């Protein structure tokens, strides 16, 4: 599942997996995957699948790392998959949203595709749970910070009040008039 989660990117505010990563996961060439999609293009509206722009590609290409180095548009041959290596520079990959991946399950029916779709859906669910837990944790930390800030203010007021009381008592006390403690000589009566 970790391998799948590393292939999930955020583009246009949506979590997506790119076509060449899907092809590698399904163990088919990217071209075969895209042909299957084109035969069923009516099942993939814009919120299920979209072609990324050159600018989006540049933004996420730095996230692709393999043994050959970092991918970028200028050096396309250093690619993550062999099926991606032969893609022309001008053709940007398709990005599949979670809904598009679910629809892809109905298009690709091989045993490998079915198992991989299940794993991908689980990866998206795990990622969503991480985001939810992170948001909840952030909220709790913020609440604790507010509480401690309030306590710090209250403690400072208490310390100031104690200091004022001690200063007032010190001013009122005359050390010469205080009752002596310790050894007292007996007085004759």
C-alpha atoms as a PDB file:
ATOM      1  CA  UNK A   1       0.000   0.000   0.000  1.00  0.00           C
ATOM      2  CA  UNK A   2       2.920   2.356   0.695  1.00  0.00           C
ATOM      3  CA  UNK A   3       4.060   1.931  -2.909  1.00  0.00           C
ATOM      4  CA  UNK A   4       0.625   3.060  -4.098  1.00  0.00           C
ATOM      5  CA  UNK A   5       0.441   5.999  -1.675  1.00  0.00           C
ATOM      6  CA  UNK A   6       3.731   7.331  -3.040  1.00  0.00           C
ATOM      7  CA  UNK A   7       2.091   7.494  -6.483  1.00  0.00           C
ATOM      8  CA  UNK A   8      -0.811   9.625  -5.303  1.00  0.00           C
ATOM      9  CA  UNK A   9      -0.324  13.305  -6.091  1.00  0.00           C
ATOM     10  CA  UNK A  10      -2.400  16.377  -5.441  1.00  0.00           C
ATOM     11  CA  UNK A  11      -3.315  18.235  -8.619  1.00  0.00           C
ATOM     12  CA  UNK A  12      -6.073  20.855  -8.887  1.00  0.00           C
ATOM     13  CA  UNK A  13      -7.002  20.192  -5.286  1.00  0.00           C
ATOM     14  CA  UNK A  14      -7.675  16.499  -5.948  1.00  0.00           C
ATOM     15  CA  UNK A  15      -5.702  13.381  -5.149  1.00  0.00           C
ATOM     16  CA  UNK A  16      -4.846  11.582  -8.375  1.00  0.00           C
ATOM     17  CA  UNK A  17      -2.737   8.790  -9.836  1.00  0.00           C
ATOM     18  CA  UNK A  18      -1.116   9.329 -13.241  1.00  0.00           C
ATOM     19  CA  UNK A  19      -1.728   6.994 -16.169  1.00  0.00           C
ATOM     20  CA  UNK A  20       1.822   5.646 -16.393  1.00  0.00           C
ATOM     21  CA  UNK A  21       1.838   4.802 -12.674  1.00  0.00           C
ATOM     22  CA  UNK A  22      -1.459   2.978 -13.112  1.00  0.00           C
ATOM     23  CA  UNK A  23      -0.068   1.121 -16.118  1.00  0.00           C
ATOM     24  CA  UNK A  24       2.893  -0.001 -14.045  1.00  0.00           C
ATOM     25  CA  UNK A  25       0.652  -1.104 -11.180  1.00  0.00           C
ATOM     26  CA  UNK A  26      -1.589  -3.023 -13.595  1.00  0.00           C
ATOM     27  CA  UNK A  27       1.497  -4.380 -15.369  1.00  0.00           C
ATOM     28  CA  UNK A  28       0.399  -3.184 -18.810  1.00  0.00           C
ATOM     29  CA  UNK A  29       1.946  -0.630 -21.178  1.00  0.00           C
ATOM     30  CA  UNK A  30       0.630   2.921 -20.752  1.00  0.00           C
ATOM     31  CA  UNK A  31      -0.509   2.853 -24.369  1.00  0.00           C
ATOM     32  CA  UNK A  32      -2.707  -0.213 -23.731  1.00  0.00           C
ATOM     33  CA  UNK A  33      -4.220   1.420 -20.639  1.00  0.00           C
ATOM     34  CA  UNK A  34      -4.996   4.638 -22.521  1.00  0.00           C
ATOM     35  CA  UNK A  35      -6.497   2.724 -25.476  1.00  0.00           C
ATOM     36  CA  UNK A  36      -8.886   0.936 -23.107  1.00  0.00           C
ATOM     37  CA  UNK A  37      -9.877   4.304 -21.662  1.00  0.00           C
ATOM     38  CA  UNK A  38     -10.380   5.890 -25.101  1.00  0.00           C
ATOM     39  CA  UNK A  39     -12.684   2.995 -26.067  1.00  0.00           C
ATOM     40  CA  UNK A  40     -14.773   3.893 -22.994  1.00  0.00           C
ATOM     41  CA  UNK A  41     -14.181   7.639 -22.861  1.00  0.00           C
ATOM     42  CA  UNK A  42     -17.838   8.369 -22.049  1.00  0.00           C
ATOM     43  CA  UNK A  43     -17.238   6.741 -18.631  1.00  0.00           C
ATOM     44  CA  UNK A  44     -14.545   9.269 -17.720  1.00  0.00           C
ATOM     45  CA  UNK A  45     -15.907  12.812 -17.306  1.00  0.00           C
ATOM     46  CA  UNK A  46     -13.580  15.655 -16.285  1.00  0.00           C
ATOM     47  CA  UNK A  47     -14.022  14.990 -12.555  1.00  0.00           C
ATOM     48  CA  UNK A  48     -12.926  11.346 -13.077  1.00  0.00           C
ATOM     49  CA  UNK A  49      -9.946  11.910 -15.390  1.00  0.00           C
ATOM     50  CA  UNK A  50      -8.151  14.874 -16.914  1.00  0.00           C
ATOM     51  CA  UNK A  51      -4.978  15.559 -18.853  1.00  0.00           C
ATOM     52  CA  UNK A  52      -2.468  17.493 -16.794  1.00  0.00           C
ATOM     53  CA  UNK A  53      -0.917  20.677 -18.134  1.00  0.00           C
ATOM     54  CA  UNK A  54       2.769  21.272 -18.763  1.00  0.00           C
ATOM     55  CA  UNK A  55       2.887  23.566 -15.742  1.00  0.00           C
ATOM     56  CA  UNK A  56       1.289  20.902 -13.518  1.00  0.00           C
ATOM     57  CA  UNK A  57       3.751  18.355 -14.879  1.00  0.00           C
ATOM     58  CA  UNK A  58       6.680  20.604 -13.977  1.00  0.00           C
ATOM     59  CA  UNK A  59       5.283  21.044 -10.474  1.00  0.00           C
ATOM     60  CA  UNK A  60       4.996  17.327  -9.792  1.00  0.00           C
ATOM     61  CA  UNK A  61       7.879  15.998 -11.864  1.00  0.00           C
ATOM     62  CA  UNK A  62      10.299  16.822  -9.070  1.00  0.00           C
ATOM     63  CA  UNK A  63       8.452  14.241  -6.967  1.00  0.00           C
ATOM     64  CA  UNK A  64       9.401  11.402  -9.326  1.00  0.00           C
ATOM     65  CA  UNK A  65      12.610   9.774  -8.234  1.00  0.00           C
ATOM     66  CA  UNK A  66      14.175   6.599  -9.524  1.00  0.00           C
ATOM     67  CA  UNK A  67      17.630   5.124  -9.727  1.00  0.00           C
ATOM     68  CA  UNK A  68      18.433   7.165 -12.808  1.00  0.00           C
ATOM     69  CA  UNK A  69      17.605  10.488 -11.136  1.00  0.00           C
ATOM     70  CA  UNK A  70      14.826  13.028 -11.143  1.00  0.00           C
ATOM     71  CA  UNK A  71      12.324  13.178 -13.967  1.00  0.00           C
ATOM     72  CA  UNK A  72      11.601  16.396 -15.765  1.00  0.00           C
ATOM     73  CA  UNK A  73      10.267  17.481 -19.107  1.00  0.00           C
ATOM     74  CA  UNK A  74      13.722  18.143 -20.517  1.00  0.00           C
ATOM     75  CA  UNK A  75      14.990  14.653 -19.766  1.00  0.00           C
ATOM     76  CA  UNK A  76      11.971  12.426 -20.305  1.00  0.00           C
ATOM     77  CA  UNK A  77      14.042   9.279 -20.834  1.00  0.00           C
ATOM     78  CA  UNK A  78      14.768   9.071 -17.119  1.00  0.00           C
ATOM     79  CA  UNK A  79      11.336   7.753 -16.440  1.00  0.00           C
ATOM     80  CA  UNK A  80       9.713   5.744 -13.738  1.00  0.00           C
ATOM     81  CA  UNK A  81       8.379   3.056 -16.055  1.00  0.00           C
ATOM     82  CA  UNK A  82       9.457   1.578 -19.311  1.00  0.00           C
ATOM     83  CA  UNK A  83       6.046   2.274 -20.836  1.00  0.00           C
ATOM     84  CA  UNK A  84       6.405   5.976 -19.950  1.00  0.00           C
ATOM     85  CA  UNK A  85       9.897   6.187 -21.445  1.00  0.00           C
ATOM     86  CA  UNK A  86       8.611   6.194 -25.026  1.00  0.00           C
ATOM     87  CA  UNK A  87       5.905   8.828 -24.581  1.00  0.00           C
ATOM     88  CA  UNK A  88       6.521  11.977 -26.623  1.00  0.00           C
ATOM     89  CA  UNK A  89       7.312  15.128 -24.644  1.00  0.00           C
ATOM     90  CA  UNK A  90       4.252  16.926 -25.962  1.00  0.00           C
ATOM     91  CA  UNK A  91       1.778  14.357 -24.611  1.00  0.00           C
ATOM     92  CA  UNK A  92       0.992  14.983 -20.991  1.00  0.00           C
ATOM     93  CA  UNK A  93      -0.226  12.121 -18.794  1.00  0.00           C
ATOM     94  CA  UNK A  94      -3.806  11.617 -17.700  1.00  0.00           C
ATOM     95  CA  UNK A  95      -4.605  12.048 -14.021  1.00  0.00           C
ATOM     96  CA  UNK A  96      -7.259   9.778 -12.500  1.00  0.00           C
ATOM     97  CA  UNK A  97      -9.228  10.865  -9.468  1.00  0.00           C
ATOM     98  CA  UNK A  98     -10.547   8.367  -6.957  1.00  0.00           C
ATOM     99  CA  UNK A  99     -13.822   8.225  -8.922  1.00  0.00           C
ATOM    100  CA  UNK A 100     -11.942   7.646 -12.147  1.00  0.00           C
ATOM    101  CA  UNK A 101     -10.066   4.769 -10.561  1.00  0.00           C
ATOM    102  CA  UNK A 102     -13.344   3.190  -9.479  1.00  0.00           C
ATOM    103  CA  UNK A 103     -14.635   3.557 -13.044  1.00  0.00           C
ATOM    104  CA  UNK A 104     -11.409   2.087 -14.374  1.00  0.00           C
ATOM    105  CA  UNK A 105     -12.275  -1.113 -12.507  1.00  0.00           C
ATOM    106  CA  UNK A 106     -15.264  -1.564 -14.810  1.00  0.00           C
ATOM    107  CA  UNK A 107     -13.105  -1.040 -17.911  1.00  0.00           C
ATOM    108  CA  UNK A 108     -10.147  -3.241 -16.969  1.00  0.00           C
ATOM    109  CA  UNK A 109     -11.361  -6.685 -15.989  1.00  0.00           C
ATOM    110  CA  UNK A 110      -8.227  -8.781 -15.678  1.00  0.00           C
ATOM    111  CA  UNK A 111      -7.590 -10.523 -12.378  1.00  0.00           C
ATOM    112  CA  UNK A 112      -4.533  -8.328 -11.800  1.00  0.00           C
ATOM    113  CA  UNK A 113      -6.570  -5.167 -12.498  1.00  0.00           C
ATOM    114  CA  UNK A 114      -9.283  -6.193 -10.028  1.00  0.00           C
ATOM    115  CA  UNK A 115      -6.745  -6.897  -7.264  1.00  0.00           C
ATOM    116  CA  UNK A 116      -4.875  -3.696  -7.978  1.00  0.00           C
ATOM    117  CA  UNK A 117      -8.087  -1.619  -7.939  1.00  0.00           C
ATOM    118  CA  UNK A 118      -8.892  -2.992  -4.497  1.00  0.00           C
ATOM    119  CA  UNK A 119      -5.399  -2.071  -3.289  1.00  0.00           C
ATOM    120  CA  UNK A 120      -5.664   1.419  -4.812  1.00  0.00           C
ATOM    121  CA  UNK A 121      -9.044   2.081  -3.205  1.00  0.00           C
ATOM    122  CA  UNK A 122      -7.608   0.957   0.141  1.00  0.00           C
ATOM    123  CA  UNK A 123      -4.665   3.323  -0.339  1.00  0.00           C
ATOM    124  CA  UNK A 124      -7.032   6.249  -0.963  1.00  0.00           C
ATOM    125  CA  UNK A 125      -9.053   5.304   2.130  1.00  0.00           C
ATOM    126  CA  UNK A 126      -5.883   5.104   4.244  1.00  0.00           C
ATOM    127  CA  UNK A 127      -4.768   8.482   2.926  1.00  0.00           C
ATOM    128  CA  UNK A 128      -8.162   9.996   3.749  1.00  0.00           C
ATOM    129  CA  UNK A 129      -7.945   8.595   7.300  1.00  0.00           C
ATOM    130  CA  UNK A 130      -4.484  10.112   7.718  1.00  0.00           C
ATOM    131  CA  UNK A 131      -5.827  13.504   6.613  1.00  0.00           C
ATOM    132  CA  UNK A 132      -8.803  13.238   8.976  1.00  0.00           C
ATOM    133  CA  UNK A 133      -6.565  12.224  11.896  1.00  0.00           C
ATOM    134  CA  UNK A 134      -4.153  15.037  11.080  1.00  0.00           C
ATOM    135  CA  UNK A 135      -6.986  17.564  11.045  1.00  0.00           C
ATOM    136  CA  UNK A 136      -8.318  16.268  14.372  1.00  0.00           C
ATOM    137  CA  UNK A 137      -4.856  16.368  15.920  1.00  0.00           C
ATOM    138  CA  UNK A 138      -4.292  19.903  14.654  1.00  0.00           C
ATOM    139  CA  UNK A 139      -7.589  20.985  16.201  1.00  0.00           C
ATOM    140  CA  UNK A 140      -6.697  19.413  19.568  1.00  0.00           C
ATOM    141  CA  UNK A 141      -3.271  21.083  19.588  1.00  0.00           C
ATOM    142  CA  UNK A 142      -4.867  24.433  18.821  1.00  0.00           C
ATOM    143  CA  UNK A 143      -7.362  23.962  21.686  1.00  0.00           C
ATOM    144  CA  UNK A 144      -4.565  23.005  24.110  1.00  0.00           C
ATOM    145  CA  UNK A 145      -2.558  26.050  23.063  1.00  0.00           C
ATOM    146  CA  UNK A 146      -5.547  28.318  23.748  1.00  0.00           C
ATOM    147  CA  UNK A 147      -6.050  26.714  27.171  1.00  0.00           C
ATOM    148  CA  UNK A 148      -2.392  27.074  28.135  1.00  0.00           C
ATOM    149  CA  UNK A 149      -2.333  30.654  26.869  1.00  0.00           C
ATOM    150  CA  UNK A 150      -5.328  31.413  29.115  1.00  0.00           C
ATOM    151  CA  UNK A 151      -3.634  29.653  32.051  1.00  0.00           C
ATOM    152  CA  UNK A 152      -0.452  31.653  31.509  1.00  0.00           C
ATOM    153  CA  UNK A 153      -2.443  34.896  31.608  1.00  0.00           C
ATOM    154  CA  UNK A 154      -4.258  33.804  34.785  1.00  0.00           C
ATOM    155  CA  UNK A 155      -1.023  32.688  36.457  1.00  0.00           C
ATOM    156  CA  UNK A 156       0.611  36.013  35.646  1.00  0.00           C
ATOM    157  CA  UNK A 157      -2.307  37.816  37.316  1.00  0.00           C
ATOM    158  CA  UNK A 158      -1.921  35.616  40.406  1.00  0.00           C
ATOM    159  CA  UNK A 159       1.856  36.208  40.574  1.00  0.00           C
ATOM    160  CA  UNK A 160       1.326  39.968  40.252  1.00  0.00           C
ATOM    161  CA  UNK A 161      -1.290  39.928  43.027  1.00  0.00           C
ATOM    162  CA  UNK A 162       1.003  37.949  45.359  1.00  0.00           C
ATOM    163  CA  UNK A 163       3.911  40.319  44.691  1.00  0.00           C
ATOM    164  CA  UNK A 164       1.685  43.320  45.450  1.00  0.00           C
ATOM    165  CA  UNK A 165       0.504  41.752  48.704  1.00  0.00           C
ATOM    166  CA  UNK A 166       4.067  40.997  49.790  1.00  0.00           C
ATOM    167  CA  UNK A 167       5.198  44.534  48.953  1.00  0.00           C
ATOM    168  CA  UNK A 168       2.312  46.050  50.944  1.00  0.00           C
ATOM    169  CA  UNK A 169       3.039  43.891  54.022  1.00  0.00           C
ATOM    170  CA  UNK A 170       6.740  44.703  53.864  1.00  0.00           C
ATOM    171  CA  UNK A 171       5.978  48.424  53.823  1.00  0.00           C
ATOM    172  CA  UNK A 172       3.626  48.192  56.830  1.00  0.00           C
ATOM    173  CA  UNK A 173       5.973  46.131  58.982  1.00  0.00           C
ATOM    174  CA  UNK A 174       8.352  47.957  61.261  1.00  0.00           C
ATOM    175  CA  UNK A 175      11.221  45.677  62.110  1.00  0.00           C
ATOM    176  CA  UNK A 176      12.059  47.429  65.375  1.00  0.00           C
ATOM    177  CA  UNK A 177       8.546  46.886  66.775  1.00  0.00           C
ATOM    178  CA  UNK A 178       8.362  43.205  66.006  1.00  0.00           C
ATOM    179  CA  UNK A 179       8.267  40.605  68.772  1.00  0.00           C
ATOM    180  CA  UNK A 180      11.617  39.086  69.395  1.00  0.00           C
ATOM    181  CA  UNK A 181      12.054  35.401  68.890  1.00  0.00           C
ATOM    182  CA  UNK A 182      14.726  33.135  70.292  1.00  0.00           C
ATOM    183  CA  UNK A 183      16.377  33.490  73.732  1.00  0.00           C
ATOM    184  CA  UNK A 184      14.702  35.966  76.062  1.00  0.00           C
ATOM    185  CA  UNK A 185      16.281  36.904  79.396  1.00  0.00           C
ATOM    186  CA  UNK A 186      14.066  36.451  82.413  1.00  0.00           C
ATOM    187  CA  UNK A 187      12.536  39.585  83.738  1.00  0.00           C
ATOM    188  CA  UNK A 188      12.332  40.275  87.438  1.00  0.00           C
ATOM    189  CA  UNK A 189       8.919  40.751  88.754  1.00  0.00           C
END
